[in-house]
Each structure stands twice: as C-alpha cells, then as structure tokens.
C-alpha cells in the first residue's frame, strides 16, 4: 500500500483516543500511529478545505477507526494489524480515494462512498475477515484482495459505470456482489 511520503509520521504510544490535525491552507492532513490494544480513532472532515488526507496505522487488538470525509479529492489511508480490529470509513464527493489494509485475524471493515470517480482499494490478509463495501454514484471502482481463509466480502454498487475487481486466495472465501441502479 502506498502511503503519502509527505505526511510527517507521528508516533503516539499507549493512547486510548487520539486525534491529530495538521492543517494547511487548502489541504488538511491527519496522521495517527496507535500501538496497543483497544485504541479508538474518530475523524470527521468537512467540505472545507477542498482536499483532506487521513493516514491511520493501528497495531494491536480490538482497535477501531471511524472516519468521515466530505468534499472532493479526499484520501484515506488505513493499516490495521492484530486481532478483531474494526473500521468504519465514509467518503462523499468526487475523486475520493481509500487505500486500506488489515492483517491478522477477525477484522471487520465497513466502507461507503457516494459521488463519482471514487475508488476503494482493500487488502485483507489472514482469517475470518469481513468487508462490507457500498458505493453510489457514477464511474466508481472497487479493488479487493483477500488472502487466507474464511474471509467474506459484501459489495453493493448503485449507479452507472461501476467496476469491481476481486481476488480471493485461500479456502472458504465468500463474495456477494450486487451492481445496478
């Protein structure tokens, strides 16, 4: 997964709730590194400024990430390593991008994008992962890779010109894909 090299790494150890903001004139960039168990990150970004960038790295068990980005050209980068981590990510606008990775066991991911020319990229490695991905609008794309065993993905795309690319490697993998208007 490519994370922006321009973001300054911020190490925050043993934090239960962390929110870090670095604001620029037209760009809002947030970064959080969370190590340990039961960490929670909650991030909301509105229509102004025009571009929002969030990078979250969580290591440990039962971590949660909740992010809502509204506006255009938003970027969300998330990596979770451990057991039973969850993420709930929402983007609304156009040309928004998500790049998400979960490694370990028993992770749960809920993703939603609304608008046009949006893209979701998800990698899950390990066992017992579940991903629910919803997109509405026009010309949106989803790229999914699940490696391991007993992983499940639910995809729902409503609109025109939608694309799903799915790779599942391992055993007992399940995919449910619905496309239409």
C-alpha atoms as a PDB file:
ATOM      1  CA  UNK A   1       0.000   0.000   0.000  1.00  0.00           C
ATOM      2  CA  UNK A   2       1.354   3.434  -0.891  1.00  0.00           C
ATOM      3  CA  UNK A   3       1.045   5.989   1.856  1.00  0.00           C
ATOM      4  CA  UNK A   4       1.925   9.607   1.105  1.00  0.00           C
ATOM      5  CA  UNK A   5       5.549  10.258   1.866  1.00  0.00           C
ATOM      6  CA  UNK A   6       4.802  13.924   2.582  1.00  0.00           C
ATOM      7  CA  UNK A   7       2.937  13.153   5.793  1.00  0.00           C
ATOM      8  CA  UNK A   8       5.012  13.519   8.913  1.00  0.00           C
ATOM      9  CA  UNK A   9       4.967  10.320  10.977  1.00  0.00           C
ATOM     10  CA  UNK A  10       3.515  10.944  14.396  1.00  0.00           C
ATOM     11  CA  UNK A  11       4.127   8.252  16.997  1.00  0.00           C
ATOM     12  CA  UNK A  12       1.557   8.136  19.751  1.00  0.00           C
ATOM     13  CA  UNK A  13       2.042   5.270  22.158  1.00  0.00           C
ATOM     14  CA  UNK A  14      -0.432   3.920  24.708  1.00  0.00           C
ATOM     15  CA  UNK A  15      -3.160   6.340  23.643  1.00  0.00           C
ATOM     16  CA  UNK A  16      -6.771   5.281  24.001  1.00  0.00           C
ATOM     17  CA  UNK A  17      -8.190   8.139  21.969  1.00  0.00           C
ATOM     18  CA  UNK A  18      -6.071  10.086  19.527  1.00  0.00           C
ATOM     19  CA  UNK A  19      -6.858  12.822  17.083  1.00  0.00           C
ATOM     20  CA  UNK A  20      -4.030  14.687  15.407  1.00  0.00           C
ATOM     21  CA  UNK A  21      -4.584  17.507  12.944  1.00  0.00           C
ATOM     22  CA  UNK A  22      -2.071  19.256  10.743  1.00  0.00           C
ATOM     23  CA  UNK A  23      -3.809  21.991   8.749  1.00  0.00           C
ATOM     24  CA  UNK A  24      -2.585  23.709   5.601  1.00  0.00           C
ATOM     25  CA  UNK A  25      -4.314  26.400   3.517  1.00  0.00           C
ATOM     26  CA  UNK A  26      -6.139  24.074   1.096  1.00  0.00           C
ATOM     27  CA  UNK A  27      -5.128  20.711   2.481  1.00  0.00           C
ATOM     28  CA  UNK A  28      -5.980  19.120   5.791  1.00  0.00           C
ATOM     29  CA  UNK A  29      -3.701  16.212   6.700  1.00  0.00           C
ATOM     30  CA  UNK A  30      -4.190  13.995   9.725  1.00  0.00           C
ATOM     31  CA  UNK A  31      -1.946  11.171  10.850  1.00  0.00           C
ATOM     32  CA  UNK A  32      -2.089   8.833  13.810  1.00  0.00           C
ATOM     33  CA  UNK A  33       0.010   5.819  14.766  1.00  0.00           C
ATOM     34  CA  UNK A  34      -1.618   3.781  17.506  1.00  0.00           C
ATOM     35  CA  UNK A  35       0.103   0.880  19.229  1.00  0.00           C
ATOM     36  CA  UNK A  36      -1.505  -1.370  21.821  1.00  0.00           C
ATOM     37  CA  UNK A  37      -4.994  -2.722  22.367  1.00  0.00           C
ATOM     38  CA  UNK A  38      -8.456  -1.163  22.249  1.00  0.00           C
ATOM     39  CA  UNK A  39      -7.374   2.115  20.634  1.00  0.00           C
ATOM     40  CA  UNK A  40     -10.067   4.318  19.084  1.00  0.00           C
ATOM     41  CA  UNK A  41      -9.641   6.945  16.382  1.00  0.00           C
ATOM     42  CA  UNK A  42     -12.555   9.147  15.296  1.00  0.00           C
ATOM     43  CA  UNK A  43     -12.069  11.636  12.460  1.00  0.00           C
ATOM     44  CA  UNK A  44     -14.545  13.915  10.676  1.00  0.00           C
ATOM     45  CA  UNK A  45     -13.555  16.255   7.886  1.00  0.00           C
ATOM     46  CA  UNK A  46     -15.968  18.637   6.174  1.00  0.00           C
ATOM     47  CA  UNK A  47     -16.299  20.306   2.798  1.00  0.00           C
ATOM     48  CA  UNK A  48     -13.682  22.918   3.512  1.00  0.00           C
ATOM     49  CA  UNK A  49     -10.759  22.665   2.784  1.00  0.00           C
ATOM     50  CA  UNK A  50     -11.037  21.093  -0.666  1.00  0.00           C
ATOM     51  CA  UNK A  51      -8.658  18.177  -0.056  1.00  0.00           C
ATOM     52  CA  UNK A  52      -8.423  16.103   3.122  1.00  0.00           C
ATOM     53  CA  UNK A  53      -5.800  13.413   3.779  1.00  0.00           C
ATOM     54  CA  UNK A  54      -6.012  10.960   6.685  1.00  0.00           C
ATOM     55  CA  UNK A  55      -3.417   8.294   7.487  1.00  0.00           C
ATOM     56  CA  UNK A  56      -4.007   5.885  10.381  1.00  0.00           C
ATOM     57  CA  UNK A  57      -1.772   2.986  11.443  1.00  0.00           C
ATOM     58  CA  UNK A  58      -3.135   0.798  14.257  1.00  0.00           C
ATOM     59  CA  UNK A  59      -1.195  -2.109  15.772  1.00  0.00           C
ATOM     60  CA  UNK A  60      -2.731  -4.350  18.419  1.00  0.00           C
ATOM     61  CA  UNK A  61      -6.095  -5.950  19.142  1.00  0.00           C
ATOM     62  CA  UNK A  62      -9.665  -4.608  19.128  1.00  0.00           C
ATOM     63  CA  UNK A  63      -8.709  -1.230  17.647  1.00  0.00           C
ATOM     64  CA  UNK A  64     -11.350   0.958  15.983  1.00  0.00           C
ATOM     65  CA  UNK A  65     -11.086   3.598  13.269  1.00  0.00           C
ATOM     66  CA  UNK A  66     -14.046   5.813  12.333  1.00  0.00           C
ATOM     67  CA  UNK A  67     -13.526   8.370   9.553  1.00  0.00           C
ATOM     68  CA  UNK A  68     -15.964  10.585   7.609  1.00  0.00           C
ATOM     69  CA  UNK A  69     -14.648  12.762   4.791  1.00  0.00           C
ATOM     70  CA  UNK A  70     -16.970  15.120   2.911  1.00  0.00           C
ATOM     71  CA  UNK A  71     -15.864  17.054  -0.138  1.00  0.00           C
ATOM     72  CA  UNK A  72     -13.678  16.350  -3.127  1.00  0.00           C
ATOM     73  CA  UNK A  73     -10.266  14.736  -3.695  1.00  0.00           C
ATOM     74  CA  UNK A  74     -10.122  13.213  -0.203  1.00  0.00           C
ATOM     75  CA  UNK A  75      -7.606  10.484   0.569  1.00  0.00           C
ATOM     76  CA  UNK A  76      -7.866   7.892   3.351  1.00  0.00           C
ATOM     77  CA  UNK A  77      -5.010   5.533   4.203  1.00  0.00           C
ATOM     78  CA  UNK A  78      -5.549   2.934   6.925  1.00  0.00           C
ATOM     79  CA  UNK A  79      -3.481  -0.016   8.094  1.00  0.00           C
ATOM     80  CA  UNK A  80      -4.559  -2.260  10.977  1.00  0.00           C
ATOM     81  CA  UNK A  81      -2.504  -5.180  12.300  1.00  0.00           C
ATOM     82  CA  UNK A  82      -3.646  -7.536  15.057  1.00  0.00           C
ATOM     83  CA  UNK A  83      -6.868  -9.283  16.028  1.00  0.00           C
ATOM     84  CA  UNK A  84     -10.524  -8.129  15.860  1.00  0.00           C
ATOM     85  CA  UNK A  85      -9.870  -4.597  14.595  1.00  0.00           C
ATOM     86  CA  UNK A  86     -12.751  -2.623  13.049  1.00  0.00           C
ATOM     87  CA  UNK A  87     -13.028   0.306  10.675  1.00  0.00           C
ATOM     88  CA  UNK A  88     -15.968   2.401   9.503  1.00  0.00           C
ATOM     89  CA  UNK A  89     -14.983   4.754   6.677  1.00  0.00           C
ATOM     90  CA  UNK A  90     -17.254   7.118   4.724  1.00  0.00           C
ATOM     91  CA  UNK A  91     -16.457   9.489   1.867  1.00  0.00           C
ATOM     92  CA  UNK A  92     -18.851  11.761  -0.030  1.00  0.00           C
ATOM     93  CA  UNK A  93     -17.825  13.786  -3.076  1.00  0.00           C
ATOM     94  CA  UNK A  94     -15.842  13.172  -6.232  1.00  0.00           C
ATOM     95  CA  UNK A  95     -12.364  11.787  -6.931  1.00  0.00           C
ATOM     96  CA  UNK A  96     -12.059  10.399  -3.389  1.00  0.00           C
ATOM     97  CA  UNK A  97      -9.714   7.500  -2.691  1.00  0.00           C
ATOM     98  CA  UNK A  98      -9.398   4.862   0.043  1.00  0.00           C
ATOM     99  CA  UNK A  99      -6.419   2.533   0.470  1.00  0.00           C
ATOM    100  CA  UNK A 100      -6.991   0.115   3.341  1.00  0.00           C
ATOM    101  CA  UNK A 101      -5.147  -2.940   4.664  1.00  0.00           C
ATOM    102  CA  UNK A 102      -5.902  -5.311   7.526  1.00  0.00           C
ATOM    103  CA  UNK A 103      -3.516  -8.063   8.607  1.00  0.00           C
ATOM    104  CA  UNK A 104      -4.230 -10.655  11.285  1.00  0.00           C
ATOM    105  CA  UNK A 105      -7.486 -12.338  12.229  1.00  0.00           C
ATOM    106  CA  UNK A 106     -11.150 -11.456  12.636  1.00  0.00           C
ATOM    107  CA  UNK A 107     -11.189  -7.893  11.275  1.00  0.00           C
ATOM    108  CA  UNK A 108     -14.365  -6.078  10.202  1.00  0.00           C
ATOM    109  CA  UNK A 109     -14.435  -3.286   7.609  1.00  0.00           C
ATOM    110  CA  UNK A 110     -17.457  -1.132   6.616  1.00  0.00           C
ATOM    111  CA  UNK A 111     -16.824   1.264   3.718  1.00  0.00           C
ATOM    112  CA  UNK A 112     -19.109   3.720   1.948  1.00  0.00           C
ATOM    113  CA  UNK A 113     -18.514   6.166  -0.895  1.00  0.00           C
ATOM    114  CA  UNK A 114     -21.042   8.411  -2.602  1.00  0.00           C
ATOM    115  CA  UNK A 115     -20.330  10.554  -5.661  1.00  0.00           C
ATOM    116  CA  UNK A 116     -18.391   9.985  -8.853  1.00  0.00           C
ATOM    117  CA  UNK A 117     -14.912   8.873  -9.895  1.00  0.00           C
ATOM    118  CA  UNK A 118     -14.266   7.442  -6.432  1.00  0.00           C
ATOM    119  CA  UNK A 119     -12.004   4.467  -5.736  1.00  0.00           C
ATOM    120  CA  UNK A 120     -11.733   1.900  -2.922  1.00  0.00           C
ATOM    121  CA  UNK A 121      -8.696  -0.378  -2.518  1.00  0.00           C
ATOM    122  CA  UNK A 122      -8.852  -3.075   0.154  1.00  0.00           C
ATOM    123  CA  UNK A 123      -6.346  -5.758   1.151  1.00  0.00           C
ATOM    124  CA  UNK A 124      -7.195  -8.233   3.917  1.00  0.00           C
ATOM    125  CA  UNK A 125      -4.699 -10.944   4.904  1.00  0.00           C
ATOM    126  CA  UNK A 126      -5.409 -13.657   7.475  1.00  0.00           C
ATOM    127  CA  UNK A 127      -8.542 -15.474   8.594  1.00  0.00           C
ATOM    128  CA  UNK A 128     -12.112 -14.570   9.468  1.00  0.00           C
ATOM    129  CA  UNK A 129     -12.228 -11.085   7.933  1.00  0.00           C
ATOM    130  CA  UNK A 130     -15.424  -9.414   6.775  1.00  0.00           C
ATOM    131  CA  UNK A 131     -15.742  -6.403   4.475  1.00  0.00           C
ATOM    132  CA  UNK A 132     -18.917  -4.526   3.530  1.00  0.00           C
ATOM    133  CA  UNK A 133     -18.408  -2.043   0.690  1.00  0.00           C
ATOM    134  CA  UNK A 134     -21.100   0.319  -0.641  1.00  0.00           C
ATOM    135  CA  UNK A 135     -20.754   2.801  -3.481  1.00  0.00           C
ATOM    136  CA  UNK A 136     -23.374   5.031  -5.046  1.00  0.00           C
ATOM    137  CA  UNK A 137     -22.955   7.380  -7.987  1.00  0.00           C
ATOM    138  CA  UNK A 138     -21.135   7.190 -11.305  1.00  0.00           C
ATOM    139  CA  UNK A 139     -17.817   5.765 -12.524  1.00  0.00           C
ATOM    140  CA  UNK A 140     -16.729   4.375  -9.141  1.00  0.00           C
ATOM    141  CA  UNK A 141     -14.261   1.498  -8.718  1.00  0.00           C
ATOM    142  CA  UNK A 142     -13.598  -1.155  -6.074  1.00  0.00           C
ATOM    143  CA  UNK A 143     -10.439  -3.291  -5.920  1.00  0.00           C
ATOM    144  CA  UNK A 144     -10.425  -6.099  -3.321  1.00  0.00           C
ATOM    145  CA  UNK A 145      -7.833  -8.708  -2.360  1.00  0.00           C
ATOM    146  CA  UNK A 146      -8.463 -11.224   0.403  1.00  0.00           C
ATOM    147  CA  UNK A 147      -5.757 -13.766   1.270  1.00  0.00           C
ATOM    148  CA  UNK A 148      -6.154 -16.557   3.814  1.00  0.00           C
ATOM    149  CA  UNK A 149      -9.216 -18.465   4.946  1.00  0.00           C
ATOM    150  CA  UNK A 150     -12.853 -17.888   5.873  1.00  0.00           C
ATOM    151  CA  UNK A 151     -12.983 -14.307   4.571  1.00  0.00           C
ATOM    152  CA  UNK A 152     -16.202 -12.676   3.326  1.00  0.00           C
ATOM    153  CA  UNK A 153     -16.870  -9.585   1.217  1.00  0.00           C
ATOM    154  CA  UNK A 154     -20.228  -7.907   0.507  1.00  0.00           C
ATOM    155  CA  UNK A 155     -20.246  -5.344  -2.337  1.00  0.00           C
ATOM    156  CA  UNK A 156     -23.196  -3.152  -3.322  1.00  0.00           C
ATOM    157  CA  UNK A 157     -22.765  -0.629  -6.142  1.00  0.00           C
ATOM    158  CA  UNK A 158     -25.718   1.512  -7.252  1.00  0.00           C
ATOM    159  CA  UNK A 159     -25.254   3.774 -10.250  1.00  0.00           C
ATOM    160  CA  UNK A 160     -23.668   3.801 -13.690  1.00  0.00           C
ATOM    161  CA  UNK A 161     -20.220   2.741 -14.909  1.00  0.00           C
ATOM    162  CA  UNK A 162     -19.290   0.869 -11.727  1.00  0.00           C
ATOM    163  CA  UNK A 163     -16.367  -1.592 -11.607  1.00  0.00           C
ATOM    164  CA  UNK A 164     -15.411  -4.345  -9.133  1.00  0.00           C
ATOM    165  CA  UNK A 165     -12.136  -6.280  -9.246  1.00  0.00           C
ATOM    166  CA  UNK A 166     -11.934  -9.134  -6.742  1.00  0.00           C
ATOM    167  CA  UNK A 167      -9.158 -11.587  -5.881  1.00  0.00           C
ATOM    168  CA  UNK A 168      -9.680 -14.175  -3.153  1.00  0.00           C
ATOM    169  CA  UNK A 169      -6.881 -16.662  -2.478  1.00  0.00           C
ATOM    170  CA  UNK A 170      -7.154 -19.415   0.096  1.00  0.00           C
ATOM    171  CA  UNK A 171     -10.087 -21.531   1.186  1.00  0.00           C
ATOM    172  CA  UNK A 172     -13.660 -20.952   2.415  1.00  0.00           C
ATOM    173  CA  UNK A 173     -13.772 -17.468   0.856  1.00  0.00           C
ATOM    174  CA  UNK A 174     -17.185 -15.899   0.098  1.00  0.00           C
ATOM    175  CA  UNK A 175     -18.132 -12.959  -2.119  1.00  0.00           C
ATOM    176  CA  UNK A 176     -21.546 -11.307  -2.588  1.00  0.00           C
ATOM    177  CA  UNK A 177     -21.614  -8.634  -5.326  1.00  0.00           C
ATOM    178  CA  UNK A 178     -24.641  -6.567  -6.395  1.00  0.00           C
ATOM    179  CA  UNK A 179     -24.479  -3.965  -9.122  1.00  0.00           C
ATOM    180  CA  UNK A 180     -27.281  -1.945 -10.612  1.00  0.00           C
ATOM    181  CA  UNK A 181     -29.381   1.092 -10.248  1.00  0.00           C
END
